[in-house]
Amino acid sequence: MELKVGILGGGNLGKQLAHVLLEKTGIKPSQINISTRRPETLEECVKMGIKCYFDNRRLVAWAHLLFLCCLPSQVTTVCAEIRSHVPKHCLVYSFTSAVSVKRLAQILGHDFILKPQYEFGVCDWSDEWLSHSHLTLAVKDPKLVESSCPLTLSGSLSLNPKWVSGLFYSLLNICTETQRTSAEALELINELFKLKESDTVKFTQHSYVSSSYASSLSPDEPFPWINLIDAQTKETPLSCFITRNKAIQGCISAVYKQSLAGQEH
């Protein structure tokens, strides 16, 4: 089944996100829908084959993955509108910086949410970060790719490392929702982060869940459904595993950089 990607908000961020998805992933235009108050401004997206309309409820009911690209002032109204229409297993990725992931879960009535939590410090990197007006150009700049790597951010920009754990738990949940066994889930995730080096670290059952649960989990059973809000706000087996394991940090960073560079890994 093809992944269905919904983008709620057709402003500058929503449009650039659509371009990056088409350029840097295997996603096709037919797999993307955009809902915005002014769909007539997305003529370029329509020409590429992306469906653009103004019906937020239709969008969220259709999507497997939903990107929230609306303004902070619109979040409460938008979430109230779509609250009862978001499927349980739809992954919501929020770019709305002013609303915490806990608050978003409350107003949306949904816990399958990912939201990066960045912190900015005073620095002399402003010219570097603003050197590209379009995201599609920024992700081609080796220096910015290096600087934006989640585990090695620089330029007085930092990211809560628990977001990385949330990302991996979201992959695990998708495997669980599609009825993959724990053995199949680990195989798929390890394949995503496989490098050419023979000493690449692998994720195991103990990487994701407590030792007692992992010991009782059969390879033929699926992993339990993980609450992503907890995964991004509390210590978990996975956050501890990633924090303490330099090799896995290096692996994640390498895959991130290679993916944006368009290299095989």
C-alpha atoms as a PDB file:
ATOM      1  CA  MET A   1       0.000   0.000   0.000  1.00  0.00           C
ATOM      2  CA  GLU A   2       1.399   3.391  -0.994  1.00  0.00           C
ATOM      3  CA  LEU A   3       2.039   5.958   1.726  1.00  0.00           C
ATOM      4  CA  LYS A   4      -0.468   8.823   1.657  1.00  0.00           C
ATOM      5  CA  VAL A   5       1.052  12.132   2.752  1.00  0.00           C
ATOM      6  CA  GLY A   6      -1.175  15.030   3.764  1.00  0.00           C
ATOM      7  CA  ILE A   7       0.124  18.581   4.144  1.00  0.00           C
ATOM      8  CA  LEU A   8      -2.205  20.864   6.083  1.00  0.00           C
ATOM      9  CA  GLY A   9      -1.234  24.376   5.120  1.00  0.00           C
ATOM     10  CA  GLY A  10      -0.195  25.604   1.701  1.00  0.00           C
ATOM     11  CA  GLY A  11       2.013  28.516   2.672  1.00  0.00           C
ATOM     12  CA  ASN A  12       5.735  28.788   2.081  1.00  0.00           C
ATOM     13  CA  LEU A  13       6.562  25.871   4.394  1.00  0.00           C
ATOM     14  CA  GLY A  14       3.913  23.540   2.971  1.00  0.00           C
ATOM     15  CA  LYS A  15       4.970  24.197  -0.612  1.00  0.00           C
ATOM     16  CA  GLN A  16       8.672  23.738   0.086  1.00  0.00           C
ATOM     17  CA  LEU A  17       7.983  20.558   2.030  1.00  0.00           C
ATOM     18  CA  ALA A  18       6.122  19.119  -0.960  1.00  0.00           C
ATOM     19  CA  HIS A  19       9.075  19.911  -3.243  1.00  0.00           C
ATOM     20  CA  VAL A  20      11.588  18.287  -0.874  1.00  0.00           C
ATOM     21  CA  LEU A  21       9.465  15.154  -0.505  1.00  0.00           C
ATOM     22  CA  LEU A  22       9.310  14.757  -4.267  1.00  0.00           C
ATOM     23  CA  GLU A  23      13.005  15.467  -4.755  1.00  0.00           C
ATOM     24  CA  LYS A  24      14.532  13.560  -1.837  1.00  0.00           C
ATOM     25  CA  THR A  25      12.215  10.567  -1.381  1.00  0.00           C
ATOM     26  CA  GLY A  26      10.504   7.998  -3.548  1.00  0.00           C
ATOM     27  CA  ILE A  27       7.126   9.614  -2.921  1.00  0.00           C
ATOM     28  CA  LYS A  28       5.146  10.402  -6.069  1.00  0.00           C
ATOM     29  CA  PRO A  29       2.916  13.457  -6.621  1.00  0.00           C
ATOM     30  CA  SER A  30      -0.179  11.233  -6.532  1.00  0.00           C
ATOM     31  CA  GLN A  31       0.714  10.307  -2.938  1.00  0.00           C
ATOM     32  CA  ILE A  32       0.551  13.917  -1.712  1.00  0.00           C
ATOM     33  CA  ASN A  33      -2.533  16.009  -0.959  1.00  0.00           C
ATOM     34  CA  ILE A  34      -2.479  19.599   0.312  1.00  0.00           C
ATOM     35  CA  SER A  35      -5.334  21.359   2.094  1.00  0.00           C
ATOM     36  CA  THR A  36      -5.141  25.145   2.230  1.00  0.00           C
ATOM     37  CA  ARG A  37      -7.520  28.073   2.368  1.00  0.00           C
ATOM     38  CA  ARG A  38      -6.226  29.272  -0.993  1.00  0.00           C
ATOM     39  CA  PRO A  39      -5.674  26.222  -3.214  1.00  0.00           C
ATOM     40  CA  GLU A  40      -5.642  28.519  -6.249  1.00  0.00           C
ATOM     41  CA  THR A  41      -2.159  29.698  -5.168  1.00  0.00           C
ATOM     42  CA  LEU A  42      -0.738  26.188  -5.590  1.00  0.00           C
ATOM     43  CA  GLU A  43      -0.935  26.034  -9.370  1.00  0.00           C
ATOM     44  CA  GLU A  44       2.662  24.796  -9.591  1.00  0.00           C
ATOM     45  CA  CYS A  45       1.896  21.882  -7.247  1.00  0.00           C
ATOM     46  CA  VAL A  46      -1.225  21.002  -9.216  1.00  0.00           C
ATOM     47  CA  LYS A  47       0.794  20.911 -12.441  1.00  0.00           C
ATOM     48  CA  MET A  48       3.146  18.418 -10.790  1.00  0.00           C
ATOM     49  CA  GLY A  49       0.217  16.106 -10.018  1.00  0.00           C
ATOM     50  CA  ILE A  50      -0.462  17.002  -6.368  1.00  0.00           C
ATOM     51  CA  LYS A  51      -4.113  17.315  -5.343  1.00  0.00           C
ATOM     52  CA  CYS A  52      -4.782  20.684  -3.717  1.00  0.00           C
ATOM     53  CA  TYR A  53      -8.071  21.673  -2.107  1.00  0.00           C
ATOM     54  CA  PHE A  54      -9.533  23.252   1.021  1.00  0.00           C
ATOM     55  CA  ASP A  55     -11.020  20.468   3.129  1.00  0.00           C
ATOM     56  CA  ASN A  56      -9.016  19.701   6.261  1.00  0.00           C
ATOM     57  CA  ARG A  57     -11.281  16.875   7.410  1.00  0.00           C
ATOM     58  CA  ARG A  58     -11.051  15.157   4.037  1.00  0.00           C
ATOM     59  CA  LEU A  59      -7.261  15.468   4.148  1.00  0.00           C
ATOM     60  CA  VAL A  60      -6.735  13.956   7.604  1.00  0.00           C
ATOM     61  CA  ALA A  61      -9.177  11.114   6.989  1.00  0.00           C
ATOM     62  CA  TRP A  62      -7.193  10.212   3.849  1.00  0.00           C
ATOM     63  CA  ALA A  63      -3.610  10.547   5.082  1.00  0.00           C
ATOM     64  CA  HIS A  64      -1.301   8.003   6.702  1.00  0.00           C
ATOM     65  CA  LEU A  65       1.178  10.788   7.511  1.00  0.00           C
ATOM     66  CA  LEU A  66      -0.029  14.325   8.213  1.00  0.00           C
ATOM     67  CA  PHE A  67       2.250  17.373   8.319  1.00  0.00           C
ATOM     68  CA  LEU A  68       0.831  20.322  10.270  1.00  0.00           C
ATOM     69  CA  CYS A  69       2.152  23.442   8.550  1.00  0.00           C
ATOM     70  CA  CYS A  70      -0.385  25.965   9.807  1.00  0.00           C
ATOM     71  CA  LEU A  71       0.373  29.136  11.773  1.00  0.00           C
ATOM     72  CA  PRO A  72       0.454  28.968  15.605  1.00  0.00           C
ATOM     73  CA  SER A  73      -2.583  31.263  15.722  1.00  0.00           C
ATOM     74  CA  GLN A  74      -4.537  28.730  13.654  1.00  0.00           C
ATOM     75  CA  VAL A  75      -3.586  25.556  15.538  1.00  0.00           C
ATOM     76  CA  THR A  76      -6.416  25.533  18.097  1.00  0.00           C
ATOM     77  CA  THR A  77      -9.090  26.139  15.444  1.00  0.00           C
ATOM     78  CA  VAL A  78      -7.614  23.592  13.026  1.00  0.00           C
ATOM     79  CA  CYS A  79      -7.256  20.903  15.701  1.00  0.00           C
ATOM     80  CA  ALA A  80     -10.836  21.437  16.890  1.00  0.00           C
ATOM     81  CA  GLU A  81     -12.011  21.004  13.296  1.00  0.00           C
ATOM     82  CA  ILE A  82     -10.125  17.773  12.588  1.00  0.00           C
ATOM     83  CA  ARG A  83     -10.076  16.285  16.121  1.00  0.00           C
ATOM     84  CA  SER A  84     -12.621  13.524  15.510  1.00  0.00           C
ATOM     85  CA  HIS A  85     -11.422  12.779  11.984  1.00  0.00           C
ATOM     86  CA  VAL A  86      -7.766  11.809  12.522  1.00  0.00           C
ATOM     87  CA  PRO A  87      -7.370   8.011  12.262  1.00  0.00           C
ATOM     88  CA  LYS A  88      -5.704   6.445  15.312  1.00  0.00           C
ATOM     89  CA  HIS A  89      -2.720   5.259  13.314  1.00  0.00           C
ATOM     90  CA  CYS A  90      -2.152   8.451  11.330  1.00  0.00           C
ATOM     91  CA  LEU A  91       1.240   9.904  12.255  1.00  0.00           C
ATOM     92  CA  VAL A  92       0.957  13.664  12.792  1.00  0.00           C
ATOM     93  CA  TYR A  93       4.176  15.671  12.378  1.00  0.00           C
ATOM     94  CA  SER A  94       3.909  19.214  13.687  1.00  0.00           C
ATOM     95  CA  PHE A  95       6.039  22.148  12.557  1.00  0.00           C
ATOM     96  CA  THR A  96       4.192  24.541  14.874  1.00  0.00           C
ATOM     97  CA  SER A  97       6.907  25.685  17.255  1.00  0.00           C
ATOM     98  CA  ALA A  98       4.731  27.616  19.713  1.00  0.00           C
ATOM     99  CA  VAL A  99       2.611  24.616  20.743  1.00  0.00           C
ATOM    100  CA  SER A 100       4.192  21.854  22.831  1.00  0.00           C
ATOM    101  CA  VAL A 101       3.698  18.215  21.906  1.00  0.00           C
ATOM    102  CA  LYS A 102       1.715  17.629  25.135  1.00  0.00           C
ATOM    103  CA  ARG A 103      -0.610  20.543  24.407  1.00  0.00           C
ATOM    104  CA  LEU A 104      -1.024  19.436  20.813  1.00  0.00           C
ATOM    105  CA  ALA A 105      -2.013  15.950  21.974  1.00  0.00           C
ATOM    106  CA  GLN A 106      -4.652  17.471  24.268  1.00  0.00           C
ATOM    107  CA  ILE A 107      -6.333  19.693  21.710  1.00  0.00           C
ATOM    108  CA  LEU A 108      -6.084  17.090  18.947  1.00  0.00           C
ATOM    109  CA  GLY A 109      -7.124  14.105  21.084  1.00  0.00           C
ATOM    110  CA  HIS A 110      -4.332  12.097  19.486  1.00  0.00           C
ATOM    111  CA  ASP A 111      -1.037  10.687  20.804  1.00  0.00           C
ATOM    112  CA  PHE A 112       0.664   9.545  17.593  1.00  0.00           C
ATOM    113  CA  ILE A 113       2.463  12.873  17.152  1.00  0.00           C
ATOM    114  CA  LEU A 114       6.036  13.870  16.395  1.00  0.00           C
ATOM    115  CA  LYS A 115       7.282  17.382  17.034  1.00  0.00           C
ATOM    116  CA  PRO A 116      10.912  18.558  17.014  1.00  0.00           C
ATOM    117  CA  GLN A 117      11.819  20.762  19.981  1.00  0.00           C
ATOM    118  CA  TYR A 118      14.569  23.152  18.984  1.00  0.00           C
ATOM    119  CA  GLU A 119      16.449  25.660  21.102  1.00  0.00           C
ATOM    120  CA  PHE A 120      18.268  28.618  19.578  1.00  0.00           C
ATOM    121  CA  GLY A 121      21.176  30.499  21.103  1.00  0.00           C
ATOM    122  CA  VAL A 122      22.900  33.740  20.217  1.00  0.00           C
ATOM    123  CA  CYS A 123      25.454  33.081  17.506  1.00  0.00           C
ATOM    124  CA  ASP A 124      27.107  34.426  14.374  1.00  0.00           C
ATOM    125  CA  TRP A 125      25.471  31.769  12.197  1.00  0.00           C
ATOM    126  CA  SER A 126      22.462  33.829  11.143  1.00  0.00           C
ATOM    127  CA  ASP A 127      23.923  34.568   7.689  1.00  0.00           C
ATOM    128  CA  GLU A 128      24.660  30.869   7.183  1.00  0.00           C
ATOM    129  CA  TRP A 129      21.164  29.695   8.142  1.00  0.00           C
ATOM    130  CA  LEU A 130      19.598  32.395   5.960  1.00  0.00           C
ATOM    131  CA  SER A 131      21.896  31.842   2.996  1.00  0.00           C
ATOM    132  CA  HIS A 132      19.207  29.864   1.127  1.00  0.00           C
ATOM    133  CA  SER A 133      15.670  31.114   0.664  1.00  0.00           C
ATOM    134  CA  HIS A 134      14.382  27.707  -0.400  1.00  0.00           C
ATOM    135  CA  LEU A 135      14.556  24.445   1.508  1.00  0.00           C
ATOM    136  CA  THR A 136      15.298  22.482  -1.659  1.00  0.00           C
ATOM    137  CA  LEU A 137      18.536  24.454  -2.026  1.00  0.00           C
ATOM    138  CA  ALA A 138      19.442  24.292   1.661  1.00  0.00           C
ATOM    139  CA  VAL A 139      19.375  20.480   1.745  1.00  0.00           C
ATOM    140  CA  LYS A 140      21.945  20.458  -1.066  1.00  0.00           C
ATOM    141  CA  ASP A 141      24.418  22.556   0.910  1.00  0.00           C
ATOM    142  CA  PRO A 142      26.927  20.155   2.564  1.00  0.00           C
ATOM    143  CA  LYS A 143      27.665  22.620   5.357  1.00  0.00           C
ATOM    144  CA  LEU A 144      24.002  23.063   6.279  1.00  0.00           C
ATOM    145  CA  VAL A 145      23.367  19.317   6.029  1.00  0.00           C
ATOM    146  CA  GLU A 146      26.237  18.756   8.451  1.00  0.00           C
ATOM    147  CA  SER A 147      24.982  21.507  10.754  1.00  0.00           C
ATOM    148  CA  SER A 148      21.368  20.301  10.760  1.00  0.00           C
ATOM    149  CA  CYS A 149      22.119  16.657  11.557  1.00  0.00           C
ATOM    150  CA  PRO A 150      19.843  15.876  14.575  1.00  0.00           C
ATOM    151  CA  LEU A 151      22.599  14.406  16.754  1.00  0.00           C
ATOM    152  CA  THR A 152      25.381  16.822  15.817  1.00  0.00           C
ATOM    153  CA  LEU A 153      23.641  20.192  15.453  1.00  0.00           C
ATOM    154  CA  SER A 154      25.884  23.260  15.426  1.00  0.00           C
ATOM    155  CA  GLY A 155      25.579  27.008  15.149  1.00  0.00           C
ATOM    156  CA  SER A 156      23.940  27.393  18.594  1.00  0.00           C
ATOM    157  CA  LEU A 157      21.010  25.267  17.462  1.00  0.00           C
ATOM    158  CA  SER A 158      20.062  22.237  19.548  1.00  0.00           C
ATOM    159  CA  LEU A 159      17.352  19.595  19.346  1.00  0.00           C
ATOM    160  CA  ASN A 160      15.892  17.598  22.208  1.00  0.00           C
ATOM    161  CA  PRO A 161      17.474  14.145  21.659  1.00  0.00           C
ATOM    162  CA  LYS A 162      14.242  12.455  22.762  1.00  0.00           C
ATOM    163  CA  TRP A 163      12.813  13.481  19.374  1.00  0.00           C
ATOM    164  CA  VAL A 164      15.166  10.962  17.772  1.00  0.00           C
ATOM    165  CA  SER A 165      13.744   8.277  20.069  1.00  0.00           C
ATOM    166  CA  GLY A 166      10.242   9.387  19.109  1.00  0.00           C
ATOM    167  CA  LEU A 167      11.141   9.026  15.447  1.00  0.00           C
ATOM    168  CA  PHE A 168      12.303   5.441  15.922  1.00  0.00           C
ATOM    169  CA  TYR A 169       9.283   4.560  18.055  1.00  0.00           C
ATOM    170  CA  SER A 170       7.044   5.940  15.304  1.00  0.00           C
ATOM    171  CA  LEU A 171       8.672   3.517  12.847  1.00  0.00           C
ATOM    172  CA  LEU A 172       8.054   0.734  15.331  1.00  0.00           C
ATOM    173  CA  ASN A 173       4.389   1.718  15.693  1.00  0.00           C
ATOM    174  CA  ILE A 174       3.932   1.696  11.928  1.00  0.00           C
ATOM    175  CA  CYS A 175       5.296  -1.857  11.852  1.00  0.00           C
ATOM    176  CA  THR A 176       2.946  -2.847  14.673  1.00  0.00           C
ATOM    177  CA  GLU A 177      -0.042  -1.242  12.938  1.00  0.00           C
ATOM    178  CA  THR A 178       0.750  -3.158   9.732  1.00  0.00           C
ATOM    179  CA  GLN A 179       0.890  -6.407  11.741  1.00  0.00           C
ATOM    180  CA  ARG A 180       4.636  -6.964  11.468  1.00  0.00           C
ATOM    181  CA  THR A 181       6.173  -9.234  14.083  1.00  0.00           C
ATOM    182  CA  SER A 182       8.885  -7.844  16.359  1.00  0.00           C
ATOM    183  CA  ALA A 183      11.494  -9.769  14.367  1.00  0.00           C
ATOM    184  CA  GLU A 184      10.209  -8.322  11.069  1.00  0.00           C
ATOM    185  CA  ALA A 185      10.036  -4.810  12.544  1.00  0.00           C
ATOM    186  CA  LEU A 186      13.639  -4.941  13.720  1.00  0.00           C
ATOM    187  CA  GLU A 187      14.782  -6.300  10.377  1.00  0.00           C
ATOM    188  CA  LEU A 188      13.049  -3.486   8.482  1.00  0.00           C
ATOM    189  CA  ILE A 189      14.358  -0.742  10.771  1.00  0.00           C
ATOM    190  CA  ASN A 190      17.890  -2.129  10.802  1.00  0.00           C
ATOM    191  CA  GLU A 191      17.802  -2.261   7.004  1.00  0.00           C
ATOM    192  CA  LEU A 192      16.901   1.438   6.893  1.00  0.00           C
ATOM    193  CA  PHE A 193      19.957   2.286   8.974  1.00  0.00           C
ATOM    194  CA  LYS A 194      22.349  -0.180   7.441  1.00  0.00           C
ATOM    195  CA  LEU A 195      25.723   1.183   6.384  1.00  0.00           C
ATOM    196  CA  LYS A 196      28.427  -0.389   4.258  1.00  0.00           C
ATOM    197  CA  GLU A 197      30.663  -0.841   7.315  1.00  0.00           C
ATOM    198  CA  SER A 198      30.489  -4.353   8.739  1.00  0.00           C
ATOM    199  CA  ASP A 199      30.413  -3.093  12.348  1.00  0.00           C
ATOM    200  CA  THR A 200      27.101  -1.238  11.981  1.00  0.00           C
ATOM    201  CA  VAL A 201      25.182  -1.429  15.260  1.00  0.00           C
ATOM    202  CA  LYS A 202      21.807  -3.133  15.178  1.00  0.00           C
ATOM    203  CA  PHE A 203      18.665  -2.411  17.137  1.00  0.00           C
ATOM    204  CA  THR A 204      17.329  -5.313  19.229  1.00  0.00           C
ATOM    205  CA  GLN A 205      14.208  -5.864  21.310  1.00  0.00           C
ATOM    206  CA  HIS A 206      16.129  -4.620  24.359  1.00  0.00           C
ATOM    207  CA  SER A 207      16.812  -1.338  22.527  1.00  0.00           C
ATOM    208  CA  TYR A 208      13.122  -0.473  22.486  1.00  0.00           C
ATOM    209  CA  VAL A 209      11.476  -1.977  25.564  1.00  0.00           C
ATOM    210  CA  SER A 210      12.441  -2.867  29.113  1.00  0.00           C
ATOM    211  CA  SER A 211      14.572  -5.960  29.707  1.00  0.00           C
ATOM    212  CA  SER A 212      11.713  -7.793  31.407  1.00  0.00           C
ATOM    213  CA  TYR A 213       9.310  -7.081  28.538  1.00  0.00           C
ATOM    214  CA  ALA A 214      11.926  -7.907  25.899  1.00  0.00           C
ATOM    215  CA  SER A 215      12.644 -11.253  27.572  1.00  0.00           C
ATOM    216  CA  SER A 216       8.984 -12.229  27.363  1.00  0.00           C
ATOM    217  CA  LEU A 217       8.403 -10.909  23.822  1.00  0.00           C
ATOM    218  CA  SER A 218       8.373 -13.652  21.211  1.00  0.00           C
ATOM    219  CA  PRO A 219       9.941 -12.840  17.795  1.00  0.00           C
ATOM    220  CA  ASP A 220       6.571 -13.815  16.301  1.00  0.00           C
ATOM    221  CA  GLU A 221       4.687 -11.218  18.363  1.00  0.00           C
ATOM    222  CA  PRO A 222       4.412  -7.530  17.452  1.00  0.00           C
ATOM    223  CA  PHE A 223       5.880  -4.819  19.630  1.00  0.00           C
ATOM    224  CA  PRO A 224       3.368  -3.000  21.864  1.00  0.00           C
ATOM    225  CA  TRP A 225       1.932   0.303  20.666  1.00  0.00           C
ATOM    226  CA  ILE A 226       4.151   3.102  22.018  1.00  0.00           C
ATOM    227  CA  ASN A 227       2.774   6.454  23.203  1.00  0.00           C
ATOM    228  CA  LEU A 228       4.892   8.974  21.298  1.00  0.00           C
ATOM    229  CA  ILE A 229       4.141  11.772  23.761  1.00  0.00           C
ATOM    230  CA  ASP A 230       5.799   9.769  26.519  1.00  0.00           C
ATOM    231  CA  ALA A 231       8.621   8.799  24.166  1.00  0.00           C
ATOM    232  CA  GLN A 232       9.438  12.479  23.547  1.00  0.00           C
ATOM    233  CA  THR A 233       9.089  13.700  27.120  1.00  0.00           C
ATOM    234  CA  LYS A 234      10.376  10.854  29.319  1.00  0.00           C
ATOM    235  CA  GLU A 235      13.409   8.604  29.547  1.00  0.00           C
ATOM    236  CA  THR A 236      12.871   5.364  27.649  1.00  0.00           C
ATOM    237  CA  PRO A 237      14.966   2.261  26.942  1.00  0.00           C
ATOM    238  CA  LEU A 238      15.572   3.639  23.449  1.00  0.00           C
ATOM    239  CA  SER A 239      16.610   7.142  24.546  1.00  0.00           C
ATOM    240  CA  CYS A 240      19.097   5.587  26.976  1.00  0.00           C
ATOM    241  CA  PHE A 241      20.389   3.227  24.275  1.00  0.00           C
ATOM    242  CA  ILE A 242      20.974   6.036  21.788  1.00  0.00           C
ATOM    243  CA  THR A 243      22.459   8.453  24.351  1.00  0.00           C
ATOM    244  CA  ARG A 244      24.994   5.913  25.614  1.00  0.00           C
ATOM    245  CA  ASN A 245      25.918   4.364  22.276  1.00  0.00           C
ATOM    246  CA  LYS A 246      28.312   6.478  20.218  1.00  0.00           C
ATOM    247  CA  ALA A 247      28.327   3.927  17.423  1.00  0.00           C
ATOM    248  CA  ILE A 248      24.564   4.129  16.889  1.00  0.00           C
ATOM    249  CA  GLN A 249      24.754   7.934  17.023  1.00  0.00           C
ATOM    250  CA  GLY A 250      27.357   7.844  14.282  1.00  0.00           C
ATOM    251  CA  CYS A 251      25.228   5.459  12.248  1.00  0.00           C
ATOM    252  CA  ILE A 252      22.120   7.651  12.494  1.00  0.00           C
ATOM    253  CA  SER A 253      24.126  10.758  11.568  1.00  0.00           C
ATOM    254  CA  ALA A 254      25.738   9.030   8.598  1.00  0.00           C
ATOM    255  CA  VAL A 255      22.414   7.818   7.218  1.00  0.00           C
ATOM    256  CA  TYR A 256      20.924  11.301   7.619  1.00  0.00           C
ATOM    257  CA  LYS A 257      23.754  12.919   5.660  1.00  0.00           C
ATOM    258  CA  GLN A 258      23.858  10.222   2.983  1.00  0.00           C
ATOM    259  CA  SER A 259      20.101  10.419   2.442  1.00  0.00           C
ATOM    260  CA  LEU A 260      20.159  14.171   1.813  1.00  0.00           C
ATOM    261  CA  ALA A 261      23.221  13.801  -0.360  1.00  0.00           C
ATOM    262  CA  GLY A 262      21.383  11.227  -2.463  1.00  0.00           C
ATOM    263  CA  GLN A 263      24.008   8.558  -1.767  1.00  0.00           C
ATOM    264  CA  GLU A 264      23.300   4.873  -1.466  1.00  0.00           C
ATOM    265  CA  HIS A 265      23.679   3.340   1.975  1.00  0.00           C
END
